[in-house]
Amino acid sequence: MKIASMTSAAIALAMSATVAIAEDRTGWPESFTVGTASQGGTYFAYGSGWANLVAEELGLSGGGEVTGGPMQNMALVHTGDAQFGMTTMGPAAESLAGTNPIAPGLPMTNVCAMFPMYQTPFSITALTSSGIKSIADIPEGAKIGFGPAGSTSDTYFPRMMEELGVKFERRNGGWADLGGQLQDGLLDVIAFAAGVPVPAVSQLEVQTDINIIEFTEEEQAKILKAFPVYDFAIAESTYSTLKAPARSVSMWNFAVANCDLPASFVKAAVNVVMSDNERMVNIHKAARSTLPENWNKNTVLKWHPGAAEWFKENAGADIPADMIHGN
């Protein structure tokens, strides 16, 4: 009788837990997609990885989707064509302001912050033989390669150079192609916004002598004031060319969610990603910065209520009420 009573209690508890889970999942989608970028880049590898991890842990169908990158991801998440996406703070700010080139004039306010990913540093490289050792040395009319058209690098680095008074001719292309053009003398400078070490730069320094050009303190301060970036130092160990850390700036990347998704769903997805950093680093090394304490690197987007709840409970996040969607 006693055993039977215990068994009944266990069954009742299990049933209660099952009901709680079912109630908590009210409104959850049966499947989801994460807007990433082109194959072969950090966004695709990182995004597909966390999408698969969340799908597996939550028992849903989900995965990464090839897209045009941050700007398109903002549009896809805003409309709900993608439940989740990845963006940098610059494209996020432009999208909120209605200046996203995909839909000019449409403020994309239905995109909410989900969790911090990693930083994208801005770095400048020239051949040593060019004599260019600083931004001030870049000659008027210099041919500068800014990466693929429409990329974060191509969107912001030209503006940064203009802010610093550099007059240049703009060139676009893949990173490896631009590195080859620099080595062949077809470019004077390449300006990258990409995770470091940039493979094209690592390849260049094996083949020839290069200068990795840092911002002066004054230049860095001017850029920090004018753009949604943070101060950053490229570690000396990143490239054999560096003899000391190189002063730079970086733009934070954030995962984003459609603001209409259930809070319990977004909170559960955030928990999967943020509760075990080792798993994320195994997906991509850039995830070393995917840490709860980096919640405060979002100064642009309103937080999804589910994400805000997770960071308040688990990271002591002091998120102002007016920065949470729906408040």
C-alpha atoms as a PDB file:
ATOM      1  CA  MET A   1       0.000   0.000   0.000  1.00  0.00           C
ATOM      2  CA  LYS A   2       2.818   2.303   0.919  1.00  0.00           C
ATOM      3  CA  ILE A   3       4.658   1.448  -2.301  1.00  0.00           C
ATOM      4  CA  ALA A   4       1.513   1.954  -4.329  1.00  0.00           C
ATOM      5  CA  SER A   5       1.028   5.343  -2.663  1.00  0.00           C
ATOM      6  CA  MET A   6       4.563   6.408  -3.534  1.00  0.00           C
ATOM      7  CA  THR A   7       4.094   5.265  -7.111  1.00  0.00           C
ATOM      8  CA  SER A   8       0.884   7.245  -7.419  1.00  0.00           C
ATOM      9  CA  ALA A   9       2.628  10.313  -6.065  1.00  0.00           C
ATOM     10  CA  ALA A  10       5.469   9.916  -8.553  1.00  0.00           C
ATOM     11  CA  ILE A  11       3.031   9.531 -11.429  1.00  0.00           C
ATOM     12  CA  ALA A  12       1.093  12.601 -10.306  1.00  0.00           C
ATOM     13  CA  LEU A  13       4.304  14.617 -10.089  1.00  0.00           C
ATOM     14  CA  ALA A  14       5.375  13.504 -13.557  1.00  0.00           C
ATOM     15  CA  MET A  15       1.974  14.369 -14.963  1.00  0.00           C
ATOM     16  CA  SER A  16       2.108  17.765 -13.287  1.00  0.00           C
ATOM     17  CA  ALA A  17       5.544  18.467 -14.792  1.00  0.00           C
ATOM     18  CA  THR A  18       4.311  17.401 -18.228  1.00  0.00           C
ATOM     19  CA  VAL A  19       1.336  19.734 -17.992  1.00  0.00           C
ATOM     20  CA  ALA A  20       3.601  22.597 -16.875  1.00  0.00           C
ATOM     21  CA  ILE A  21       5.873  22.057 -19.866  1.00  0.00           C
ATOM     22  CA  ALA A  22       2.898  21.899 -22.219  1.00  0.00           C
ATOM     23  CA  GLU A  23       1.481  25.121 -20.791  1.00  0.00           C
ATOM     24  CA  ASP A  24       4.879  26.805 -20.987  1.00  0.00           C
ATOM     25  CA  ARG A  25       5.113  25.925 -24.679  1.00  0.00           C
ATOM     26  CA  THR A  26       1.852  27.556 -25.639  1.00  0.00           C
ATOM     27  CA  GLY A  27       2.348  29.469 -28.865  1.00  0.00           C
ATOM     28  CA  TRP A  28       5.761  27.984 -29.613  1.00  0.00           C
ATOM     29  CA  PRO A  29       6.472  27.459 -33.338  1.00  0.00           C
ATOM     30  CA  GLU A  30       6.937  23.888 -34.526  1.00  0.00           C
ATOM     31  CA  SER A  31      10.060  24.956 -36.400  1.00  0.00           C
ATOM     32  CA  PHE A  32      12.328  27.987 -36.695  1.00  0.00           C
ATOM     33  CA  THR A  33      15.048  29.459 -38.880  1.00  0.00           C
ATOM     34  CA  VAL A  34      18.060  31.612 -38.055  1.00  0.00           C
ATOM     35  CA  GLY A  35      19.086  34.183 -40.669  1.00  0.00           C
ATOM     36  CA  THR A  36      22.894  33.989 -41.054  1.00  0.00           C
ATOM     37  CA  ALA A  37      24.902  35.068 -44.138  1.00  0.00           C
ATOM     38  CA  SER A  38      26.778  33.444 -47.025  1.00  0.00           C
ATOM     39  CA  GLN A  39      28.345  30.017 -46.648  1.00  0.00           C
ATOM     40  CA  GLY A  40      31.989  29.985 -45.674  1.00  0.00           C
ATOM     41  CA  GLY A  41      31.734  32.962 -43.332  1.00  0.00           C
ATOM     42  CA  THR A  42      31.624  33.198 -39.535  1.00  0.00           C
ATOM     43  CA  TYR A  43      27.918  34.083 -39.487  1.00  0.00           C
ATOM     44  CA  PHE A  44      26.887  30.927 -41.333  1.00  0.00           C
ATOM     45  CA  ALA A  45      29.021  28.583 -39.226  1.00  0.00           C
ATOM     46  CA  TYR A  46      28.115  30.229 -35.929  1.00  0.00           C
ATOM     47  CA  GLY A  47      24.425  30.703 -36.733  1.00  0.00           C
ATOM     48  CA  SER A  48      23.843  27.229 -38.118  1.00  0.00           C
ATOM     49  CA  GLY A  49      25.609  25.816 -35.081  1.00  0.00           C
ATOM     50  CA  TRP A  50      23.491  27.503 -32.456  1.00  0.00           C
ATOM     51  CA  ALA A  51      20.327  26.898 -34.479  1.00  0.00           C
ATOM     52  CA  ASN A  52      21.045  23.156 -34.496  1.00  0.00           C
ATOM     53  CA  LEU A  53      21.904  23.211 -30.798  1.00  0.00           C
ATOM     54  CA  VAL A  54      18.657  24.958 -29.853  1.00  0.00           C
ATOM     55  CA  ALA A  55      16.616  22.666 -32.099  1.00  0.00           C
ATOM     56  CA  GLU A  56      18.154  19.576 -30.513  1.00  0.00           C
ATOM     57  CA  GLU A  57      17.805  20.764 -26.929  1.00  0.00           C
ATOM     58  CA  LEU A  58      14.220  22.006 -27.306  1.00  0.00           C
ATOM     59  CA  GLY A  59      13.028  19.130 -29.494  1.00  0.00           C
ATOM     60  CA  LEU A  60      12.103  21.351 -32.431  1.00  0.00           C
ATOM     61  CA  SER A  61      12.944  21.511 -36.118  1.00  0.00           C
ATOM     62  CA  GLY A  62      15.297  24.399 -36.813  1.00  0.00           C
ATOM     63  CA  GLY A  63      18.417  25.479 -38.673  1.00  0.00           C
ATOM     64  CA  GLY A  64      20.437  28.272 -40.227  1.00  0.00           C
ATOM     65  CA  GLU A  65      19.371  29.964 -43.449  1.00  0.00           C
ATOM     66  CA  VAL A  66      21.770  31.445 -46.013  1.00  0.00           C
ATOM     67  CA  THR A  67      21.064  35.188 -46.344  1.00  0.00           C
ATOM     68  CA  GLY A  68      22.697  38.415 -47.445  1.00  0.00           C
ATOM     69  CA  GLY A  69      23.863  39.112 -43.902  1.00  0.00           C
ATOM     70  CA  PRO A  70      22.973  41.647 -41.156  1.00  0.00           C
ATOM     71  CA  MET A  71      20.756  44.016 -43.160  1.00  0.00           C
ATOM     72  CA  GLN A  72      18.679  41.247 -44.722  1.00  0.00           C
ATOM     73  CA  ASN A  73      18.467  39.429 -41.402  1.00  0.00           C
ATOM     74  CA  MET A  74      16.915  42.509 -39.819  1.00  0.00           C
ATOM     75  CA  ALA A  75      14.276  42.569 -42.563  1.00  0.00           C
ATOM     76  CA  LEU A  76      13.557  38.829 -42.329  1.00  0.00           C
ATOM     77  CA  VAL A  77      13.163  38.885 -38.562  1.00  0.00           C
ATOM     78  CA  HIS A  78      11.054  42.055 -38.625  1.00  0.00           C
ATOM     79  CA  THR A  79       8.542  40.468 -41.001  1.00  0.00           C
ATOM     80  CA  GLY A  80       8.633  37.106 -39.234  1.00  0.00           C
ATOM     81  CA  ASP A  81       9.996  35.281 -42.290  1.00  0.00           C
ATOM     82  CA  ALA A  82      12.801  34.211 -39.949  1.00  0.00           C
ATOM     83  CA  GLN A  83      12.191  33.754 -36.245  1.00  0.00           C
ATOM     84  CA  PHE A  84      15.796  34.514 -35.330  1.00  0.00           C
ATOM     85  CA  GLY A  85      18.732  36.222 -37.005  1.00  0.00           C
ATOM     86  CA  MET A  86      22.167  37.721 -36.514  1.00  0.00           C
ATOM     87  CA  THR A  87      23.171  41.340 -36.963  1.00  0.00           C
ATOM     88  CA  THR A  88      25.751  43.934 -36.026  1.00  0.00           C
ATOM     89  CA  MET A  89      24.814  47.039 -34.068  1.00  0.00           C
ATOM     90  CA  GLY A  90      25.330  49.365 -37.049  1.00  0.00           C
ATOM     91  CA  PRO A  91      22.840  47.667 -39.382  1.00  0.00           C
ATOM     92  CA  ALA A  92      20.491  47.306 -36.411  1.00  0.00           C
ATOM     93  CA  ALA A  93      20.539  51.063 -35.775  1.00  0.00           C
ATOM     94  CA  GLU A  94      20.007  51.846 -39.459  1.00  0.00           C
ATOM     95  CA  SER A  95      17.118  49.392 -39.666  1.00  0.00           C
ATOM     96  CA  LEU A  96      15.403  50.949 -36.653  1.00  0.00           C
ATOM     97  CA  ALA A  97      15.812  54.375 -38.241  1.00  0.00           C
ATOM     98  CA  GLY A  98      14.201  53.196 -41.481  1.00  0.00           C
ATOM     99  CA  THR A  99      17.359  53.463 -43.567  1.00  0.00           C
ATOM    100  CA  ASN A 100      17.883  49.762 -44.251  1.00  0.00           C
ATOM    101  CA  PRO A 101      18.489  49.654 -48.037  1.00  0.00           C
ATOM    102  CA  ILE A 102      16.307  46.548 -48.354  1.00  0.00           C
ATOM    103  CA  ALA A 103      13.206  48.517 -47.320  1.00  0.00           C
ATOM    104  CA  PRO A 104      13.978  52.251 -47.237  1.00  0.00           C
ATOM    105  CA  GLY A 105      11.567  54.218 -45.093  1.00  0.00           C
ATOM    106  CA  LEU A 106      10.406  51.201 -43.041  1.00  0.00           C
ATOM    107  CA  PRO A 107      11.457  51.359 -39.372  1.00  0.00           C
ATOM    108  CA  MET A 108      12.136  47.729 -38.434  1.00  0.00           C
ATOM    109  CA  THR A 109      10.894  47.960 -34.864  1.00  0.00           C
ATOM    110  CA  ASN A 110       9.712  44.369 -34.529  1.00  0.00           C
ATOM    111  CA  VAL A 111      13.259  43.044 -34.076  1.00  0.00           C
ATOM    112  CA  CYS A 112      14.396  42.446 -30.490  1.00  0.00           C
ATOM    113  CA  ALA A 113      17.791  41.759 -28.927  1.00  0.00           C
ATOM    114  CA  MET A 114      18.301  38.139 -27.938  1.00  0.00           C
ATOM    115  CA  PHE A 115      21.918  37.568 -26.813  1.00  0.00           C
ATOM    116  CA  PRO A 116      25.463  38.908 -27.414  1.00  0.00           C
ATOM    117  CA  MET A 117      27.610  36.987 -29.893  1.00  0.00           C
ATOM    118  CA  TYR A 118      31.075  38.426 -30.529  1.00  0.00           C
ATOM    119  CA  GLN A 119      32.964  41.466 -31.763  1.00  0.00           C
ATOM    120  CA  THR A 120      33.936  42.296 -35.340  1.00  0.00           C
ATOM    121  CA  PRO A 121      37.131  44.387 -35.265  1.00  0.00           C
ATOM    122  CA  PHE A 122      38.027  46.916 -37.967  1.00  0.00           C
ATOM    123  CA  SER A 123      41.618  46.560 -39.164  1.00  0.00           C
ATOM    124  CA  ILE A 124      43.757  48.184 -41.851  1.00  0.00           C
ATOM    125  CA  THR A 125      46.628  46.585 -43.759  1.00  0.00           C
ATOM    126  CA  ALA A 126      49.161  47.926 -46.278  1.00  0.00           C
ATOM    127  CA  LEU A 127      52.382  46.599 -47.804  1.00  0.00           C
ATOM    128  CA  THR A 128      55.508  47.744 -45.959  1.00  0.00           C
ATOM    129  CA  SER A 129      56.932  48.813 -49.318  1.00  0.00           C
ATOM    130  CA  SER A 130      54.124  51.388 -49.651  1.00  0.00           C
ATOM    131  CA  GLY A 131      55.532  53.428 -46.788  1.00  0.00           C
ATOM    132  CA  ILE A 132      52.064  53.630 -45.234  1.00  0.00           C
ATOM    133  CA  LYS A 133      52.499  53.260 -41.481  1.00  0.00           C
ATOM    134  CA  SER A 134      49.499  55.249 -40.240  1.00  0.00           C
ATOM    135  CA  ILE A 135      46.098  56.422 -41.417  1.00  0.00           C
ATOM    136  CA  ALA A 136      47.594  59.880 -41.937  1.00  0.00           C
ATOM    137  CA  ASP A 137      50.061  58.326 -44.413  1.00  0.00           C
ATOM    138  CA  ILE A 138      47.302  57.083 -46.722  1.00  0.00           C
ATOM    139  CA  PRO A 139      47.688  59.266 -49.835  1.00  0.00           C
ATOM    140  CA  GLU A 140      44.846  61.175 -51.433  1.00  0.00           C
ATOM    141  CA  GLY A 141      43.097  59.025 -54.022  1.00  0.00           C
ATOM    142  CA  ALA A 142      44.389  55.774 -52.536  1.00  0.00           C
ATOM    143  CA  LYS A 143      42.647  52.643 -53.789  1.00  0.00           C
ATOM    144  CA  ILE A 144      41.155  50.958 -50.722  1.00  0.00           C
ATOM    145  CA  GLY A 145      39.506  47.522 -50.709  1.00  0.00           C
ATOM    146  CA  PHE A 146      36.547  47.414 -48.310  1.00  0.00           C
ATOM    147  CA  GLY A 147      35.332  43.840 -48.735  1.00  0.00           C
ATOM    148  CA  PRO A 148      32.165  42.465 -50.337  1.00  0.00           C
ATOM    149  CA  ALA A 149      29.609  45.067 -51.436  1.00  0.00           C
ATOM    150  CA  GLY A 150      26.951  45.617 -48.797  1.00  0.00           C
ATOM    151  CA  SER A 151      28.925  43.935 -46.018  1.00  0.00           C
ATOM    152  CA  THR A 152      29.389  45.511 -42.587  1.00  0.00           C
ATOM    153  CA  SER A 153      32.918  46.415 -43.641  1.00  0.00           C
ATOM    154  CA  ASP A 154      31.785  48.028 -46.892  1.00  0.00           C
ATOM    155  CA  THR A 155      28.967  49.865 -45.120  1.00  0.00           C
ATOM    156  CA  TYR A 156      30.972  51.405 -42.286  1.00  0.00           C
ATOM    157  CA  PHE A 157      34.704  51.462 -43.045  1.00  0.00           C
ATOM    158  CA  PRO A 158      34.378  53.977 -45.919  1.00  0.00           C
ATOM    159  CA  ARG A 159      32.414  56.275 -43.614  1.00  0.00           C
ATOM    160  CA  MET A 160      35.082  55.912 -40.944  1.00  0.00           C
ATOM    161  CA  MET A 161      37.815  56.805 -43.408  1.00  0.00           C
ATOM    162  CA  GLU A 162      35.823  59.863 -44.505  1.00  0.00           C
ATOM    163  CA  GLU A 163      35.344  60.855 -40.863  1.00  0.00           C
ATOM    164  CA  LEU A 164      39.143  60.788 -40.491  1.00  0.00           C
ATOM    165  CA  GLY A 165      39.645  62.913 -43.611  1.00  0.00           C
ATOM    166  CA  VAL A 166      40.948  60.168 -45.919  1.00  0.00           C
ATOM    167  CA  LYS A 167      40.152  60.692 -49.622  1.00  0.00           C
ATOM    168  CA  PHE A 168      40.078  57.395 -51.494  1.00  0.00           C
ATOM    169  CA  GLU A 169      38.818  55.324 -54.387  1.00  0.00           C
ATOM    170  CA  ARG A 170      36.512  52.554 -53.244  1.00  0.00           C
ATOM    171  CA  ARG A 171      37.044  48.944 -54.292  1.00  0.00           C
ATOM    172  CA  ASN A 172      35.017  45.838 -53.425  1.00  0.00           C
ATOM    173  CA  GLY A 173      35.635  42.108 -53.560  1.00  0.00           C
ATOM    174  CA  GLY A 174      36.133  38.971 -51.520  1.00  0.00           C
ATOM    175  CA  TRP A 175      38.788  39.081 -48.820  1.00  0.00           C
ATOM    176  CA  ALA A 176      41.187  36.681 -50.532  1.00  0.00           C
ATOM    177  CA  ASP A 177      40.830  38.537 -53.843  1.00  0.00           C
ATOM    178  CA  LEU A 178      41.534  41.898 -52.207  1.00  0.00           C
ATOM    179  CA  GLY A 179      44.603  40.486 -50.479  1.00  0.00           C
ATOM    180  CA  GLY A 180      45.926  39.346 -53.870  1.00  0.00           C
ATOM    181  CA  GLN A 181      45.228  42.772 -55.369  1.00  0.00           C
ATOM    182  CA  LEU A 182      47.140  44.455 -52.550  1.00  0.00           C
ATOM    183  CA  GLN A 183      50.120  42.182 -53.110  1.00  0.00           C
ATOM    184  CA  ASP A 184      50.002  42.852 -56.867  1.00  0.00           C
ATOM    185  CA  GLY A 185      49.995  46.611 -56.350  1.00  0.00           C
ATOM    186  CA  LEU A 186      46.416  47.108 -57.565  1.00  0.00           C
ATOM    187  CA  LEU A 187      45.345  48.369 -54.142  1.00  0.00           C
ATOM    188  CA  ASP A 188      47.086  50.672 -51.680  1.00  0.00           C
ATOM    189  CA  VAL A 189      45.224  49.544 -48.568  1.00  0.00           C
ATOM    190  CA  ILE A 190      42.749  46.888 -47.496  1.00  0.00           C
ATOM    191  CA  ALA A 191      40.293  47.746 -44.720  1.00  0.00           C
ATOM    192  CA  PHE A 192      38.690  44.730 -43.060  1.00  0.00           C
ATOM    193  CA  ALA A 193      35.783  44.353 -40.682  1.00  0.00           C
ATOM    194  CA  ALA A 194      36.031  40.673 -39.884  1.00  0.00           C
ATOM    195  CA  GLY A 195      36.976  38.310 -37.122  1.00  0.00           C
ATOM    196  CA  VAL A 196      40.703  38.188 -36.472  1.00  0.00           C
ATOM    197  CA  PRO A 197      42.978  36.758 -37.569  1.00  0.00           C
ATOM    198  CA  VAL A 198      41.718  37.533 -41.049  1.00  0.00           C
ATOM    199  CA  PRO A 199      42.911  34.615 -43.222  1.00  0.00           C
ATOM    200  CA  ALA A 200      43.820  36.949 -46.105  1.00  0.00           C
ATOM    201  CA  VAL A 201      46.090  39.007 -43.822  1.00  0.00           C
ATOM    202  CA  SER A 202      47.676  35.902 -42.310  1.00  0.00           C
ATOM    203  CA  GLN A 203      48.418  34.680 -45.839  1.00  0.00           C
ATOM    204  CA  LEU A 204      49.858  38.040 -46.845  1.00  0.00           C
ATOM    205  CA  GLU A 205      52.331  38.222 -43.985  1.00  0.00           C
ATOM    206  CA  VAL A 206      53.676  34.797 -44.929  1.00  0.00           C
ATOM    207  CA  GLN A 207      54.318  35.964 -48.477  1.00  0.00           C
ATOM    208  CA  THR A 208      55.479  39.560 -48.015  1.00  0.00           C
ATOM    209  CA  ASP A 209      56.138  42.323 -45.494  1.00  0.00           C
ATOM    210  CA  ILE A 210      53.029  44.172 -44.338  1.00  0.00           C
ATOM    211  CA  ASN A 211      52.054  46.916 -41.923  1.00  0.00           C
ATOM    212  CA  ILE A 212      49.002  46.437 -39.740  1.00  0.00           C
ATOM    213  CA  ILE A 213      47.918  49.998 -39.096  1.00  0.00           C
ATOM    214  CA  GLU A 214      46.369  50.977 -35.801  1.00  0.00           C
ATOM    215  CA  PHE A 215      44.215  53.983 -34.965  1.00  0.00           C
ATOM    216  CA  THR A 216      45.824  56.746 -32.921  1.00  0.00           C
ATOM    217  CA  GLU A 217      44.106  57.542 -29.622  1.00  0.00           C
ATOM    218  CA  GLU A 218      42.600  60.659 -31.214  1.00  0.00           C
ATOM    219  CA  GLU A 219      41.379  58.744 -34.279  1.00  0.00           C
ATOM    220  CA  GLN A 220      39.891  56.018 -32.135  1.00  0.00           C
ATOM    221  CA  ALA A 221      38.057  58.568 -29.963  1.00  0.00           C
ATOM    222  CA  LYS A 222      36.621  60.277 -33.043  1.00  0.00           C
ATOM    223  CA  ILE A 223      35.329  56.983 -34.449  1.00  0.00           C
ATOM    224  CA  LEU A 224      33.879  55.905 -31.102  1.00  0.00           C
ATOM    225  CA  LYS A 225      31.920  59.146 -30.927  1.00  0.00           C
ATOM    226  CA  ALA A 226      30.581  58.940 -34.481  1.00  0.00           C
ATOM    227  CA  PHE A 227      29.709  55.240 -34.858  1.00  0.00           C
ATOM    228  CA  PRO A 228      28.061  52.399 -32.842  1.00  0.00           C
ATOM    229  CA  VAL A 229      31.412  50.741 -32.053  1.00  0.00           C
ATOM    230  CA  TYR A 230      33.535  49.889 -29.023  1.00  0.00           C
ATOM    231  CA  ASP A 231      37.237  50.240 -28.342  1.00  0.00           C
ATOM    232  CA  PHE A 232      39.237  47.144 -29.208  1.00  0.00           C
ATOM    233  CA  ALA A 233      42.845  46.030 -29.276  1.00  0.00           C
ATOM    234  CA  ILE A 234      44.065  43.437 -31.769  1.00  0.00           C
ATOM    235  CA  ALA A 235      46.239  41.172 -29.642  1.00  0.00           C
ATOM    236  CA  GLU A 236      49.939  40.991 -30.427  1.00  0.00           C
ATOM    237  CA  SER A 237      49.636  37.222 -30.824  1.00  0.00           C
ATOM    238  CA  THR A 238      47.071  37.602 -33.641  1.00  0.00           C
ATOM    239  CA  TYR A 239      49.695  38.227 -36.346  1.00  0.00           C
ATOM    240  CA  SER A 240      53.456  37.645 -36.436  1.00  0.00           C
ATOM    241  CA  THR A 241      53.789  41.180 -37.860  1.00  0.00           C
ATOM    242  CA  LEU A 242      52.529  42.774 -34.632  1.00  0.00           C
ATOM    243  CA  LYS A 243      55.026  43.605 -31.916  1.00  0.00           C
ATOM    244  CA  ALA A 244      52.398  45.070 -29.580  1.00  0.00           C
ATOM    245  CA  PRO A 245      48.601  45.210 -29.401  1.00  0.00           C
ATOM    246  CA  ALA A 246      47.108  47.346 -32.196  1.00  0.00           C
ATOM    247  CA  ARG A 247      44.504  49.954 -31.231  1.00  0.00           C
ATOM    248  CA  SER A 248      41.244  49.520 -33.124  1.00  0.00           C
ATOM    249  CA  VAL A 249      37.451  49.583 -32.789  1.00  0.00           C
ATOM    250  CA  SER A 250      34.900  46.820 -33.061  1.00  0.00           C
ATOM    251  CA  MET A 251      31.204  46.404 -33.679  1.00  0.00           C
ATOM    252  CA  TRP A 252      29.243  43.949 -31.565  1.00  0.00           C
ATOM    253  CA  ASN A 253      27.205  41.211 -33.172  1.00  0.00           C
ATOM    254  CA  PHE A 254      23.913  40.216 -31.538  1.00  0.00           C
ATOM    255  CA  ALA A 255      21.415  37.456 -32.089  1.00  0.00           C
ATOM    256  CA  VAL A 256      17.948  38.901 -32.630  1.00  0.00           C
ATOM    257  CA  ALA A 257      14.415  37.562 -32.389  1.00  0.00           C
ATOM    258  CA  ASN A 258      11.056  38.554 -33.795  1.00  0.00           C
ATOM    259  CA  CYS A 259       9.441  40.536 -30.990  1.00  0.00           C
ATOM    260  CA  ASP A 260       6.131  38.644 -31.303  1.00  0.00           C
ATOM    261  CA  LEU A 261       7.617  35.261 -30.362  1.00  0.00           C
ATOM    262  CA  PRO A 262       6.444  33.837 -27.008  1.00  0.00           C
ATOM    263  CA  ALA A 263       8.636  34.962 -24.114  1.00  0.00           C
ATOM    264  CA  SER A 264       8.980  31.384 -22.840  1.00  0.00           C
ATOM    265  CA  PHE A 265      10.293  30.219 -26.230  1.00  0.00           C
ATOM    266  CA  VAL A 266      12.904  32.957 -26.539  1.00  0.00           C
ATOM    267  CA  LYS A 267      13.961  32.523 -22.897  1.00  0.00           C
ATOM    268  CA  ALA A 268      14.424  28.779 -23.452  1.00  0.00           C
ATOM    269  CA  ALA A 269      16.471  29.368 -26.614  1.00  0.00           C
ATOM    270  CA  VAL A 270      18.665  31.939 -24.855  1.00  0.00           C
ATOM    271  CA  ASN A 271      19.205  29.513 -21.994  1.00  0.00           C
ATOM    272  CA  VAL A 272      20.454  26.809 -24.376  1.00  0.00           C
ATOM    273  CA  VAL A 273      23.026  29.150 -25.924  1.00  0.00           C
ATOM    274  CA  MET A 274      24.150  31.089 -22.853  1.00  0.00           C
ATOM    275  CA  SER A 275      24.217  28.354 -20.207  1.00  0.00           C
ATOM    276  CA  ASP A 276      27.137  26.373 -21.653  1.00  0.00           C
ATOM    277  CA  ASN A 277      29.813  28.472 -23.338  1.00  0.00           C
ATOM    278  CA  GLU A 278      32.054  25.481 -23.979  1.00  0.00           C
ATOM    279  CA  ARG A 279      29.501  23.999 -26.350  1.00  0.00           C
ATOM    280  CA  MET A 280      29.288  27.293 -28.215  1.00  0.00           C
ATOM    281  CA  VAL A 281      33.090  27.602 -28.490  1.00  0.00           C
ATOM    282  CA  ASN A 282      33.151  24.105 -29.959  1.00  0.00           C
ATOM    283  CA  ILE A 283      30.802  25.410 -32.653  1.00  0.00           C
ATOM    284  CA  HIS A 284      32.974  28.468 -33.392  1.00  0.00           C
ATOM    285  CA  LYS A 285      35.902  30.064 -31.539  1.00  0.00           C
ATOM    286  CA  ALA A 286      34.290  33.488 -31.875  1.00  0.00           C
ATOM    287  CA  ALA A 287      31.823  32.311 -29.220  1.00  0.00           C
ATOM    288  CA  ARG A 288      34.455  32.953 -26.538  1.00  0.00           C
ATOM    289  CA  SER A 289      32.706  36.319 -26.251  1.00  0.00           C
ATOM    290  CA  THR A 290      29.204  34.806 -26.121  1.00  0.00           C
ATOM    291  CA  LEU A 291      29.050  35.422 -22.388  1.00  0.00           C
ATOM    292  CA  PRO A 292      26.200  36.612 -20.137  1.00  0.00           C
ATOM    293  CA  GLU A 293      28.170  39.637 -18.884  1.00  0.00           C
ATOM    294  CA  ASN A 294      28.261  41.060 -22.405  1.00  0.00           C
ATOM    295  CA  TRP A 295      24.515  41.753 -22.337  1.00  0.00           C
ATOM    296  CA  ASN A 296      25.318  45.460 -21.880  1.00  0.00           C
ATOM    297  CA  LYS A 297      26.935  45.723 -25.315  1.00  0.00           C
ATOM    298  CA  ASN A 298      23.473  46.243 -26.789  1.00  0.00           C
ATOM    299  CA  THR A 299      22.776  49.976 -26.833  1.00  0.00           C
ATOM    300  CA  VAL A 300      20.502  49.952 -29.880  1.00  0.00           C
ATOM    301  CA  LEU A 301      17.721  47.349 -29.844  1.00  0.00           C
ATOM    302  CA  LYS A 302      14.952  46.806 -27.344  1.00  0.00           C
ATOM    303  CA  TRP A 303      15.217  43.450 -25.612  1.00  0.00           C
ATOM    304  CA  HIS A 304      12.792  40.623 -26.189  1.00  0.00           C
ATOM    305  CA  PRO A 305      10.933  40.154 -22.865  1.00  0.00           C
ATOM    306  CA  GLY A 306      11.991  36.510 -22.694  1.00  0.00           C
ATOM    307  CA  ALA A 307      15.649  37.355 -23.242  1.00  0.00           C
ATOM    308  CA  ALA A 308      15.515  40.227 -20.750  1.00  0.00           C
ATOM    309  CA  GLU A 309      14.054  37.890 -18.141  1.00  0.00           C
ATOM    310  CA  TRP A 310      16.875  35.380 -18.652  1.00  0.00           C
ATOM    311  CA  PHE A 311      19.633  37.993 -18.343  1.00  0.00           C
ATOM    312  CA  LYS A 312      18.035  39.580 -15.296  1.00  0.00           C
ATOM    313  CA  GLU A 313      17.769  36.211 -13.555  1.00  0.00           C
ATOM    314  CA  ASN A 314      21.136  34.770 -14.603  1.00  0.00           C
ATOM    315  CA  ALA A 315      23.474  37.704 -15.258  1.00  0.00           C
ATOM    316  CA  GLY A 316      22.155  40.321 -12.867  1.00  0.00           C
ATOM    317  CA  ALA A 317      21.370  42.482 -15.880  1.00  0.00           C
ATOM    318  CA  ASP A 318      20.040  45.920 -15.026  1.00  0.00           C
ATOM    319  CA  ILE A 319      18.011  46.406 -18.197  1.00  0.00           C
ATOM    320  CA  PRO A 320      15.904  49.587 -18.074  1.00  0.00           C
ATOM    321  CA  ALA A 321      12.165  49.002 -18.495  1.00  0.00           C
ATOM    322  CA  ASP A 322      12.060  51.273 -21.550  1.00  0.00           C
ATOM    323  CA  MET A 323      14.621  49.018 -23.265  1.00  0.00           C
ATOM    324  CA  ILE A 324      12.318  45.983 -23.064  1.00  0.00           C
ATOM    325  CA  HIS A 325       9.828  45.520 -25.886  1.00  0.00           C
ATOM    326  CA  GLY A 326       6.226  46.047 -24.863  1.00  0.00           C
ATOM    327  CA  ASN A 327       6.981  48.277 -21.878  1.00  0.00           C
END
